[in-house]
All heavy atoms as atom14 arrays in JSON, in Angstrom:
{
  "sequence": "EKKDYVRNCIIGKGADYKGTISVTKSGIQCQAWNS",
  "atom14_mask": [
    [1, 1, 1, 1, 1, 1, 1, 1, 1, 0, 0, 0, 0, 0],
    [1, 1, 1, 1, 1, 1, 1, 1, 1, 0, 0, 0, 0, 0],
    [1, 1, 1, 1, 1, 1, 1, 1, 1, 0, 0, 0, 0, 0],
    [1, 1, 1, 1, 1, 1, 1, 1, 0, 0, 0, 0, 0, 0],
    [1, 1, 1, 1, 1, 1, 1, 1, 1, 1, 1, 1, 0, 0],
    [1, 1, 1, 1, 1, 1, 1, 0, 0, 0, 0, 0, 0, 0],
    [1, 1, 1, 1, 1, 1, 1, 1, 1, 1, 1, 0, 0, 0],
    [1, 1, 1, 1, 1, 1, 1, 1, 0, 0, 0, 0, 0, 0],
    [1, 1, 1, 1, 1, 1, 0, 0, 0, 0, 0, 0, 0, 0],
    [1, 1, 1, 1, 1, 1, 1, 1, 0, 0, 0, 0, 0, 0],
    [1, 1, 1, 1, 1, 1, 1, 1, 0, 0, 0, 0, 0, 0],
    [1, 1, 1, 1, 0, 0, 0, 0, 0, 0, 0, 0, 0, 0],
    [1, 1, 1, 1, 1, 1, 1, 1, 1, 0, 0, 0, 0, 0],
    [1, 1, 1, 1, 0, 0, 0, 0, 0, 0, 0, 0, 0, 0],
    [1, 1, 1, 1, 1, 0, 0, 0, 0, 0, 0, 0, 0, 0],
    [1, 1, 1, 1, 1, 1, 1, 1, 0, 0, 0, 0, 0, 0],
    [1, 1, 1, 1, 1, 1, 1, 1, 1, 1, 1, 1, 0, 0],
    [1, 1, 1, 1, 1, 1, 1, 1, 1, 0, 0, 0, 0, 0],
    [1, 1, 1, 1, 0, 0, 0, 0, 0, 0, 0, 0, 0, 0],
    [1, 1, 1, 1, 1, 1, 1, 0, 0, 0, 0, 0, 0, 0],
    [1, 1, 1, 1, 1, 1, 1, 1, 0, 0, 0, 0, 0, 0],
    [1, 1, 1, 1, 1, 1, 0, 0, 0, 0, 0, 0, 0, 0],
    [1, 1, 1, 1, 1, 1, 1, 0, 0, 0, 0, 0, 0, 0],
    [1, 1, 1, 1, 1, 1, 1, 0, 0, 0, 0, 0, 0, 0],
    [1, 1, 1, 1, 1, 1, 1, 1, 1, 0, 0, 0, 0, 0],
    [1, 1, 1, 1, 1, 1, 0, 0, 0, 0, 0, 0, 0, 0],
    [1, 1, 1, 1, 0, 0, 0, 0, 0, 0, 0, 0, 0, 0],
    [1, 1, 1, 1, 1, 1, 1, 1, 0, 0, 0, 0, 0, 0],
    [1, 1, 1, 1, 1, 1, 1, 1, 1, 0, 0, 0, 0, 0],
    [1, 1, 1, 1, 1, 1, 0, 0, 0, 0, 0, 0, 0, 0],
    [1, 1, 1, 1, 1, 1, 1, 1, 1, 0, 0, 0, 0, 0],
    [1, 1, 1, 1, 1, 0, 0, 0, 0, 0, 0, 0, 0, 0],
    [1, 1, 1, 1, 1, 1, 1, 1, 1, 1, 1, 1, 1, 1],
    [1, 1, 1, 1, 1, 1, 1, 1, 0, 0, 0, 0, 0, 0],
    [1, 1, 1, 1, 1, 1, 0, 0, 0, 0, 0, 0, 0, 0]
  ],
  "atom14_positions": [
    [[0.84, -1.2, 0.0], [0.0, 0.0, 0.0], [0.88, 1.24, 0.0], [1.85, 1.32, 0.74], [-0.9, 0.01, 1.24], [-1.81, -1.2, 1.29], [-2.72, -1.17, 2.51], [-3.79, -0.56, 2.42], [-2.35, -1.76, 3.54], [0.0, 0.0, 0.0], [0.0, 0.0, 0.0], [0.0, 0.0, 0.0], [0.0, 0.0, 0.0], [0.0, 0.0, 0.0]],
    [[0.51, 2.21, -0.85], [1.29, 3.44, -0.94], [1.24, 4.13, 0.42], [0.18, 4.44, 0.93], [0.7, 4.33, -2.04], [1.73, 5.17, -2.75], [1.12, 5.98, -3.87], [1.28, 5.31, -5.22], [0.8, 6.14, -6.32], [0.0, 0.0, 0.0], [0.0, 0.0, 0.0], [0.0, 0.0, 0.0], [0.0, 0.0, 0.0], [0.0, 0.0, 0.0]],
    [[2.42, 4.35, 1.0], [2.5, 4.92, 2.35], [1.75, 6.24, 2.49], [1.15, 6.51, 3.52], [3.97, 5.13, 2.77], [4.67, 3.84, 3.14], [6.13, 4.13, 3.48], [6.9, 2.85, 3.74], [8.35, 3.09, 3.78], [0.0, 0.0, 0.0], [0.0, 0.0, 0.0], [0.0, 0.0, 0.0], [0.0, 0.0, 0.0], [0.0, 0.0, 0.0]],
    [[1.78, 7.06, 1.43], [1.1, 8.36, 1.49], [-0.37, 8.22, 1.86], [-0.94, 9.11, 2.47], [1.17, 9.07, 0.13], [2.5, 9.76, -0.07], [3.28, 9.83, 0.9], [2.76, 10.23, -1.19], [0.0, 0.0, 0.0], [0.0, 0.0, 0.0], [0.0, 0.0, 0.0], [0.0, 0.0, 0.0], [0.0, 0.0, 0.0], [0.0, 0.0, 0.0]],
    [[-1.0, 7.11, 1.46], [-2.43, 6.94, 1.7], [-2.76, 6.2, 2.98], [-3.91, 6.18, 3.4], [-3.08, 6.22, 0.52], [-3.09, 7.05, -0.74], [-2.14, 6.85, -1.74], [-4.04, 8.05, -0.93], [-2.14, 7.61, -2.89], [-4.05, 8.82, -2.07], [-3.1, 8.6, -3.05], [-3.1, 9.36, -4.19], [0.0, 0.0, 0.0], [0.0, 0.0, 0.0]],
    [[-1.79, 5.54, 3.58], [-2.08, 4.79, 4.81], [-1.37, 5.37, 6.03], [-1.67, 5.01, 7.15], [-1.74, 3.29, 4.68], [-2.69, 2.61, 3.72], [-0.31, 3.06, 4.25], [0.0, 0.0, 0.0], [0.0, 0.0, 0.0], [0.0, 0.0, 0.0], [0.0, 0.0, 0.0], [0.0, 0.0, 0.0], [0.0, 0.0, 0.0], [0.0, 0.0, 0.0]],
    [[-0.47, 6.31, 5.78], [0.3, 6.9, 6.86], [-0.55, 7.93, 7.58], [-1.23, 8.73, 6.95], [1.54, 7.54, 6.23], [2.21, 8.55, 7.05], [3.56, 8.92, 6.5], [3.57, 9.41, 5.14], [4.63, 9.28, 4.35], [5.69, 8.63, 4.74], [4.6, 9.79, 3.14], [0.0, 0.0, 0.0], [0.0, 0.0, 0.0], [0.0, 0.0, 0.0]],
    [[-0.54, 7.92, 8.89], [-1.33, 8.91, 9.62], [-0.48, 9.94, 10.34], [-0.88, 10.51, 11.33], [-2.27, 8.22, 10.6], [-3.58, 7.87, 9.92], [-4.03, 8.61, 9.04], [-4.18, 6.78, 10.28], [0.0, 0.0, 0.0], [0.0, 0.0, 0.0], [0.0, 0.0, 0.0], [0.0, 0.0, 0.0], [0.0, 0.0, 0.0], [0.0, 0.0, 0.0]],
    [[0.73, 10.16, 9.81], [1.54, 11.21, 10.42], [1.86, 12.24, 9.36], [1.81, 11.96, 8.17], [2.82, 10.64, 11.02], [3.84, 9.8, 9.83], [0.0, 0.0, 0.0], [0.0, 0.0, 0.0], [0.0, 0.0, 0.0], [0.0, 0.0, 0.0], [0.0, 0.0, 0.0], [0.0, 0.0, 0.0], [0.0, 0.0, 0.0], [0.0, 0.0, 0.0]],
    [[2.17, 13.43, 9.8], [2.47, 14.51, 8.88], [3.97, 14.7, 8.8], [4.66, 14.69, 9.81], [1.74, 15.79, 9.34], [0.25, 15.62, 9.05], [2.32, 17.02, 8.67], [-0.61, 16.73, 9.5], [0.0, 0.0, 0.0], [0.0, 0.0, 0.0], [0.0, 0.0, 0.0], [0.0, 0.0, 0.0], [0.0, 0.0, 0.0], [0.0, 0.0, 0.0]],
    [[4.46, 14.82, 7.59], [5.9, 15.0, 7.38], [6.09, 16.41, 6.85], [5.39, 16.82, 5.92], [6.38, 13.94, 6.36], [5.99, 12.58, 6.88], [7.86, 14.12, 6.05], [6.92, 11.47, 6.77], [0.0, 0.0, 0.0], [0.0, 0.0, 0.0], [0.0, 0.0, 0.0], [0.0, 0.0, 0.0], [0.0, 0.0, 0.0], [0.0, 0.0, 0.0]],
    [[7.01, 17.15, 7.46], [7.24, 18.53, 7.02], [6.0, 19.38, 7.24], [5.39, 19.34, 8.3], [0.0, 0.0, 0.0], [0.0, 0.0, 0.0], [0.0, 0.0, 0.0], [0.0, 0.0, 0.0], [0.0, 0.0, 0.0], [0.0, 0.0, 0.0], [0.0, 0.0, 0.0], [0.0, 0.0, 0.0], [0.0, 0.0, 0.0], [0.0, 0.0, 0.0]],
    [[5.59, 20.11, 6.2], [4.42, 20.98, 6.32], [3.1, 20.23, 6.12], [2.02, 20.78, 6.24], [4.5, 22.11, 5.29], [5.55, 23.16, 5.64], [5.21, 24.47, 4.97], [5.94, 25.63, 5.62], [7.22, 25.92, 4.98], [0.0, 0.0, 0.0], [0.0, 0.0, 0.0], [0.0, 0.0, 0.0], [0.0, 0.0, 0.0], [0.0, 0.0, 0.0]],
    [[3.2, 18.96, 5.72], [1.99, 18.16, 5.57], [1.29, 18.33, 4.24], [0.16, 17.89, 4.06], [0.0, 0.0, 0.0], [0.0, 0.0, 0.0], [0.0, 0.0, 0.0], [0.0, 0.0, 0.0], [0.0, 0.0, 0.0], [0.0, 0.0, 0.0], [0.0, 0.0, 0.0], [0.0, 0.0, 0.0], [0.0, 0.0, 0.0], [0.0, 0.0, 0.0]],
    [[1.96, 18.97, 3.28], [1.32, 19.23, 1.98], [0.95, 17.93, 1.26], [0.0, 17.9, 0.49], [2.23, 20.08, 1.11], [0.0, 0.0, 0.0], [0.0, 0.0, 0.0], [0.0, 0.0, 0.0], [0.0, 0.0, 0.0], [0.0, 0.0, 0.0], [0.0, 0.0, 0.0], [0.0, 0.0, 0.0], [0.0, 0.0, 0.0], [0.0, 0.0, 0.0]],
    [[1.7, 16.85, 1.52], [1.44, 15.59, 0.83], [0.56, 14.65, 1.64], [0.32, 13.52, 1.23], [2.76, 14.86, 0.56], [3.61, 15.61, -0.45], [3.03, 16.34, -1.28], [4.85, 15.48, -0.39], [0.0, 0.0, 0.0], [0.0, 0.0, 0.0], [0.0, 0.0, 0.0], [0.0, 0.0, 0.0], [0.0, 0.0, 0.0], [0.0, 0.0, 0.0]],
    [[0.08, 15.11, 2.78], [-0.71, 14.23, 3.66], [-2.01, 13.81, 2.99], [-2.74, 14.63, 2.47], [-1.01, 14.95, 4.98], [-1.85, 14.12, 5.91], [-1.32, 12.99, 6.53], [-3.18, 14.42, 6.15], [-2.08, 12.21, 7.38], [-3.95, 13.65, 7.0], [-3.39, 12.55, 7.61], [-4.14, 11.78, 8.43], [0.0, 0.0, 0.0], [0.0, 0.0, 0.0]],
    [[-2.26, 12.48, 2.95], [-3.49, 11.99, 2.33], [-4.22, 11.05, 3.29], [-5.06, 10.26, 2.88], [-3.17, 11.23, 1.04], [-2.56, 12.12, -0.03], [-2.3, 11.32, -1.29], [-1.73, 12.17, -2.41], [-0.31, 12.49, -2.22], [0.0, 0.0, 0.0], [0.0, 0.0, 0.0], [0.0, 0.0, 0.0], [0.0, 0.0, 0.0], [0.0, 0.0, 0.0]],
    [[-3.85, 11.1, 4.55], [-4.47, 10.22, 5.54], [-5.88, 10.66, 5.9], [-6.46, 11.53, 5.26], [0.0, 0.0, 0.0], [0.0, 0.0, 0.0], [0.0, 0.0, 0.0], [0.0, 0.0, 0.0], [0.0, 0.0, 0.0], [0.0, 0.0, 0.0], [0.0, 0.0, 0.0], [0.0, 0.0, 0.0], [0.0, 0.0, 0.0], [0.0, 0.0, 0.0]],
    [[-6.42, 10.07, 6.93], [-7.82, 10.31, 7.27], [-8.02, 10.93, 8.66], [-9.14, 11.04, 9.12], [-8.58, 8.97, 7.23], [-7.91, 8.05, 8.09], [-8.62, 8.39, 5.82], [0.0, 0.0, 0.0], [0.0, 0.0, 0.0], [0.0, 0.0, 0.0], [0.0, 0.0, 0.0], [0.0, 0.0, 0.0], [0.0, 0.0, 0.0], [0.0, 0.0, 0.0]],
    [[-6.94, 11.34, 9.29], [-7.07, 11.93, 10.62], [-7.63, 13.35, 10.5], [-7.15, 14.15, 9.69], [-5.69, 11.97, 11.35], [-5.15, 10.55, 11.55], [-5.79, 12.71, 12.68], [-5.95, 9.7, 12.5], [0.0, 0.0, 0.0], [0.0, 0.0, 0.0], [0.0, 0.0, 0.0], [0.0, 0.0, 0.0], [0.0, 0.0, 0.0], [0.0, 0.0, 0.0]],
    [[-8.67, 13.67, 11.27], [-9.28, 15.0, 11.17], [-9.41, 15.68, 12.53], [-10.2, 16.6, 12.69], [-10.65, 14.89, 10.51], [-11.48, 14.05, 11.29], [0.0, 0.0, 0.0], [0.0, 0.0, 0.0], [0.0, 0.0, 0.0], [0.0, 0.0, 0.0], [0.0, 0.0, 0.0], [0.0, 0.0, 0.0], [0.0, 0.0, 0.0], [0.0, 0.0, 0.0]],
    [[-8.65, 15.18, 13.5], [-8.62, 15.83, 14.81], [-7.16, 16.03, 15.22], [-6.29, 15.27, 14.81], [-9.35, 15.02, 15.92], [-10.86, 15.02, 15.7], [-8.82, 13.61, 16.01], [0.0, 0.0, 0.0], [0.0, 0.0, 0.0], [0.0, 0.0, 0.0], [0.0, 0.0, 0.0], [0.0, 0.0, 0.0], [0.0, 0.0, 0.0], [0.0, 0.0, 0.0]],
    [[-6.92, 17.05, 16.04], [-5.57, 17.32, 16.51], [-5.2, 16.3, 17.59], [-6.06, 15.54, 18.04], [-5.47, 18.74, 17.11], [-6.3, 18.78, 18.27], [-5.89, 19.8, 16.13], [0.0, 0.0, 0.0], [0.0, 0.0, 0.0], [0.0, 0.0, 0.0], [0.0, 0.0, 0.0], [0.0, 0.0, 0.0], [0.0, 0.0, 0.0], [0.0, 0.0, 0.0]],
    [[-3.93, 16.33, 18.01], [-3.47, 15.43, 19.06], [-4.35, 15.5, 20.3], [-4.61, 14.52, 20.96], [-2.04, 15.81, 19.47], [-0.99, 14.96, 18.81], [0.38, 15.25, 19.4], [1.45, 14.52, 18.62], [2.73, 15.19, 18.66], [0.0, 0.0, 0.0], [0.0, 0.0, 0.0], [0.0, 0.0, 0.0], [0.0, 0.0, 0.0], [0.0, 0.0, 0.0]],
    [[-4.81, 16.72, 20.62], [-5.62, 16.89, 21.83], [-7.11, 16.68, 21.58], [-7.94, 16.89, 22.45], [-5.38, 18.28, 22.43], [-5.73, 19.26, 21.48], [0.0, 0.0, 0.0], [0.0, 0.0, 0.0], [0.0, 0.0, 0.0], [0.0, 0.0, 0.0], [0.0, 0.0, 0.0], [0.0, 0.0, 0.0], [0.0, 0.0, 0.0], [0.0, 0.0, 0.0]],
    [[-7.46, 16.27, 20.34], [-8.86, 15.92, 20.06], [-9.73, 17.03, 19.49], [-10.94, 16.89, 19.4], [0.0, 0.0, 0.0], [0.0, 0.0, 0.0], [0.0, 0.0, 0.0], [0.0, 0.0, 0.0], [0.0, 0.0, 0.0], [0.0, 0.0, 0.0], [0.0, 0.0, 0.0], [0.0, 0.0, 0.0], [0.0, 0.0, 0.0], [0.0, 0.0, 0.0]],
    [[-9.12, 18.15, 19.1], [-9.9, 19.25, 18.51], [-10.14, 18.96, 17.03], [-9.22, 18.57, 16.31], [-9.15, 20.6, 18.66], [-8.94, 20.91, 20.15], [-9.89, 21.73, 17.96], [-7.9, 21.98, 20.4], [0.0, 0.0, 0.0], [0.0, 0.0, 0.0], [0.0, 0.0, 0.0], [0.0, 0.0, 0.0], [0.0, 0.0, 0.0], [0.0, 0.0, 0.0]],
    [[-11.38, 19.15, 16.58], [-11.75, 18.93, 15.17], [-10.94, 19.87, 14.26], [-10.84, 21.05, 14.55], [-13.25, 19.18, 14.99], [-13.79, 18.88, 13.6], [-13.71, 17.41, 13.21], [-13.95, 16.54, 14.02], [-13.35, 17.16, 11.98], [0.0, 0.0, 0.0], [0.0, 0.0, 0.0], [0.0, 0.0, 0.0], [0.0, 0.0, 0.0], [0.0, 0.0, 0.0]],
    [[-10.37, 19.33, 13.19], [-9.58, 20.16, 12.27], [-10.48, 21.08, 11.44], [-11.63, 20.75, 11.16], [-8.77, 19.28, 11.32], [-7.52, 18.3, 12.16], [0.0, 0.0, 0.0], [0.0, 0.0, 0.0], [0.0, 0.0, 0.0], [0.0, 0.0, 0.0], [0.0, 0.0, 0.0], [0.0, 0.0, 0.0], [0.0, 0.0, 0.0], [0.0, 0.0, 0.0]],
    [[-9.9, 22.17, 11.02], [-10.6, 23.12, 10.16], [-10.62, 22.57, 8.74], [-9.61, 22.04, 8.26], [-9.84, 24.45, 10.19], [-10.38, 25.5, 9.25], [-9.57, 26.78, 9.38], [-9.06, 27.11, 10.44], [-9.41, 27.5, 8.28], [0.0, 0.0, 0.0], [0.0, 0.0, 0.0], [0.0, 0.0, 0.0], [0.0, 0.0, 0.0], [0.0, 0.0, 0.0]],
    [[-11.75, 22.68, 8.07], [-11.86, 22.2, 6.68], [-10.98, 23.05, 5.77], [-10.8, 24.25, 6.0], [-13.31, 22.29, 6.22], [0.0, 0.0, 0.0], [0.0, 0.0, 0.0], [0.0, 0.0, 0.0], [0.0, 0.0, 0.0], [0.0, 0.0, 0.0], [0.0, 0.0, 0.0], [0.0, 0.0, 0.0], [0.0, 0.0, 0.0], [0.0, 0.0, 0.0]],
    [[-10.41, 22.41, 4.73], [-9.52, 23.13, 3.81], [-10.24, 24.27, 3.09], [-9.64, 25.27, 2.75], [-8.94, 22.17, 2.76], [-7.84, 21.33, 3.32], [-7.88, 20.0, 3.57], [-6.54, 21.78, 3.73], [-6.68, 19.59, 4.12], [-5.84, 20.65, 4.21], [-5.89, 23.03, 3.72], [-4.53, 20.74, 4.69], [-4.59, 23.1, 4.19], [-3.92, 21.97, 4.67]],
    [[-11.55, 24.08, 2.85], [-12.28, 25.11, 2.09], [-12.79, 26.24, 3.0], [-13.52, 27.11, 2.58], [-13.44, 24.49, 1.31], [-14.43, 23.75, 2.21], [-14.31, 23.8, 3.44], [-15.37, 23.08, 1.61], [0.0, 0.0, 0.0], [0.0, 0.0, 0.0], [0.0, 0.0, 0.0], [0.0, 0.0, 0.0], [0.0, 0.0, 0.0], [0.0, 0.0, 0.0]],
    [[-12.39, 26.23, 4.28], [-12.82, 27.26, 5.21], [-11.64, 28.16, 5.58], [-10.52, 27.7, 5.74], [-13.37, 26.6, 6.48], [-13.57, 27.57, 7.47], [0.0, 0.0, 0.0], [0.0, 0.0, 0.0], [0.0, 0.0, 0.0], [0.0, 0.0, 0.0], [0.0, 0.0, 0.0], [0.0, 0.0, 0.0], [0.0, 0.0, 0.0], [0.0, 0.0, 0.0]]
  ]
}
């Protein structure tokens, strides 16, 4: 499996992140990209 799609960590600025995590470490819901 392509690591970019199954990896749940952010590398660098996270521009290539394709994972499914949508909350911060402390559990806060992430802001939508279109907002």
